[in-house]
Amino acid sequence: MKHRFCLLLPLILISACNGSDSKPDDSVARSTFDAVTAELKETKSALAKAQQDNADLAGQQGQIQTALDAKLAEQEELLQRLQRADLTEAERDELKRQLGNVTKERDQLIANKAKLTALLKSAVCQ
């Protein structure tokens, strides 16, 4: 019986020591962590750029609104001058020409504002 125990003891010791001398391989975990960290940095950078672009677009939209308000005031002034009774035919023609130019510029500003608004909405949705 002691003989059997002596044969069994090395098997028990070997099975108890199985794998205890090797440390776990953390290179996979480290490389995954490094990859995710790099991806996070890229995402943060892209987010910062998108927020800056969004702020720039909002600033441009404000500038366009200011210019549009000025054009509307100019258009209103030209309309009031055109309605005066003491104008000559040449003065009326000149005011109509100026009014046409102001109207074209106003329409262009409105179109630009609409484009910027669409860009801002698409940037917010993404």
Protein backbone atom coordinates (compact mmCIF):
# COMPACT_ATOMS: atom_id res chain seq x y z
CA MET A 1 0.00 0.00 0.00
CA LYS A 2 2.85 2.36 0.76
CA HIS A 3 4.18 1.53 -2.64
CA ARG A 4 0.99 2.72 -4.31
CA PHE A 5 1.01 5.90 -2.26
CA CYS A 6 4.61 6.58 -3.35
CA LEU A 7 3.57 6.22 -6.97
CA LEU A 8 0.52 8.41 -6.52
CA LEU A 9 2.32 11.21 -4.68
CA PRO A 10 4.37 12.44 -7.67
CA LEU A 11 1.23 12.55 -9.82
CA ILE A 12 -0.56 14.65 -7.23
CA LEU A 13 2.37 17.02 -6.90
CA ILE A 14 2.72 17.38 -10.67
CA SER A 15 -0.96 18.12 -11.11
CA ALA A 16 -0.85 20.64 -8.25
CA CYS A 17 2.06 22.44 -9.86
CA ASN A 18 0.60 22.38 -13.36
CA GLY A 19 0.70 25.93 -14.68
CA SER A 20 1.84 27.49 -11.43
CA ASP A 21 5.26 28.33 -12.82
CA SER A 22 3.95 30.34 -15.76
CA LYS A 23 2.59 33.86 -15.40
CA PRO A 24 -0.49 34.91 -17.37
CA ASP A 25 0.17 36.52 -20.74
CA ASP A 26 -1.01 40.13 -20.52
CA SER A 27 0.40 41.25 -23.86
CA VAL A 28 -3.00 40.76 -25.52
CA ALA A 29 -4.70 42.84 -22.85
CA ARG A 30 -2.07 45.57 -23.14
CA SER A 31 -2.27 45.75 -26.92
CA THR A 32 -6.08 45.88 -26.76
CA PHE A 33 -5.91 48.62 -24.13
CA ASP A 34 -3.38 50.57 -26.19
CA ALA A 35 -5.56 50.25 -29.30
CA VAL A 36 -8.67 51.41 -27.46
CA THR A 37 -6.74 54.29 -25.88
CA ALA A 38 -5.48 55.41 -29.28
CA GLU A 39 -9.00 55.18 -30.71
CA LEU A 40 -10.32 57.24 -27.79
CA LYS A 41 -7.71 59.94 -28.44
CA GLU A 42 -8.67 60.05 -32.12
CA THR A 43 -12.34 60.29 -31.21
CA LYS A 44 -11.70 63.11 -28.74
CA SER A 45 -9.66 64.94 -31.37
CA ALA A 46 -12.40 64.51 -33.97
CA LEU A 47 -15.00 65.71 -31.47
CA ALA A 48 -12.96 68.81 -30.63
CA LYS A 49 -12.55 69.58 -34.34
CA ALA A 50 -16.28 69.10 -34.96
CA GLN A 51 -17.14 71.39 -32.06
CA GLN A 52 -14.75 74.03 -33.39
CA ASP A 53 -16.23 73.72 -36.88
CA ASN A 54 -19.71 74.02 -35.39
CA ALA A 55 -18.71 77.18 -33.53
CA ASP A 56 -17.18 78.61 -36.71
CA LEU A 57 -20.37 77.90 -38.66
CA ALA A 58 -22.47 79.52 -35.95
CA GLY A 59 -20.20 82.59 -36.10
CA GLN A 60 -20.53 82.76 -39.87
CA GLN A 61 -24.28 82.46 -39.54
CA GLY A 62 -24.28 85.41 -37.12
CA GLN A 63 -22.22 87.49 -39.55
CA ILE A 64 -24.58 86.65 -42.39
CA GLN A 65 -27.58 87.60 -40.24
CA THR A 66 -25.96 90.96 -39.45
CA ALA A 67 -25.25 91.59 -43.14
CA LEU A 68 -28.80 90.51 -44.01
CA ASP A 69 -30.26 92.93 -41.48
CA ALA A 70 -28.16 95.73 -42.98
CA LYS A 71 -29.34 94.86 -46.51
CA LEU A 72 -32.96 94.80 -45.39
CA ALA A 73 -32.55 98.25 -43.80
CA GLU A 74 -30.88 99.53 -46.97
CA GLN A 75 -33.68 98.08 -49.08
CA GLU A 76 -36.31 99.72 -46.88
CA GLU A 77 -34.53 103.08 -47.15
CA LEU A 78 -34.37 102.82 -50.95
CA LEU A 79 -38.07 101.95 -51.09
CA GLN A 80 -38.92 104.99 -48.97
CA ARG A 81 -36.79 107.26 -51.16
CA LEU A 82 -38.40 105.80 -54.27
CA GLN A 83 -41.88 106.64 -52.98
CA ARG A 84 -41.12 110.35 -52.65
CA ALA A 85 -42.95 112.52 -55.17
CA ASP A 86 -40.17 115.02 -55.90
CA LEU A 87 -37.84 112.60 -57.76
CA THR A 88 -36.94 112.97 -61.40
CA GLU A 89 -37.25 110.05 -63.79
CA ALA A 90 -33.45 109.57 -63.82
CA GLU A 91 -33.33 109.49 -60.01
CA ARG A 92 -36.14 106.94 -59.95
CA ASP A 93 -34.31 104.75 -62.46
CA GLU A 94 -31.11 104.96 -60.41
CA LEU A 95 -32.96 104.06 -57.21
CA LYS A 96 -34.65 101.11 -58.95
CA ARG A 97 -31.25 99.89 -60.16
CA GLN A 98 -29.80 100.19 -56.65
CA LEU A 99 -32.87 98.47 -55.22
CA GLY A 100 -32.43 95.60 -57.69
CA ASN A 101 -28.77 95.19 -56.66
CA VAL A 102 -29.64 95.24 -52.96
CA THR A 103 -32.40 92.68 -53.53
CA LYS A 104 -29.96 90.35 -55.34
CA GLU A 105 -27.42 90.69 -52.52
CA ARG A 106 -30.15 90.05 -49.95
CA ASP A 107 -31.31 86.93 -51.79
CA GLN A 108 -27.71 85.66 -51.92
CA LEU A 109 -27.33 86.23 -48.17
CA ILE A 110 -30.58 84.37 -47.51
CA ALA A 111 -29.34 81.43 -49.61
CA ASN A 112 -26.00 81.40 -47.76
CA LYS A 113 -27.79 81.51 -44.42
CA ALA A 114 -29.97 78.56 -45.45
CA LYS A 115 -26.87 76.57 -46.43
CA LEU A 116 -25.17 77.31 -43.12
CA THR A 117 -28.31 76.40 -41.21
CA ALA A 118 -28.46 73.07 -43.04
CA LEU A 119 -24.77 72.45 -42.25
CA LEU A 120 -25.33 73.23 -38.59
CA LYS A 121 -28.32 70.91 -38.39
CA SER A 122 -26.40 68.09 -40.08
CA ALA A 123 -23.42 68.63 -37.76
CA VAL A 124 -25.66 68.48 -34.69
CA CYS A 125 -27.40 65.32 -35.91
CA GLN A 126 -24.11 63.50 -36.41
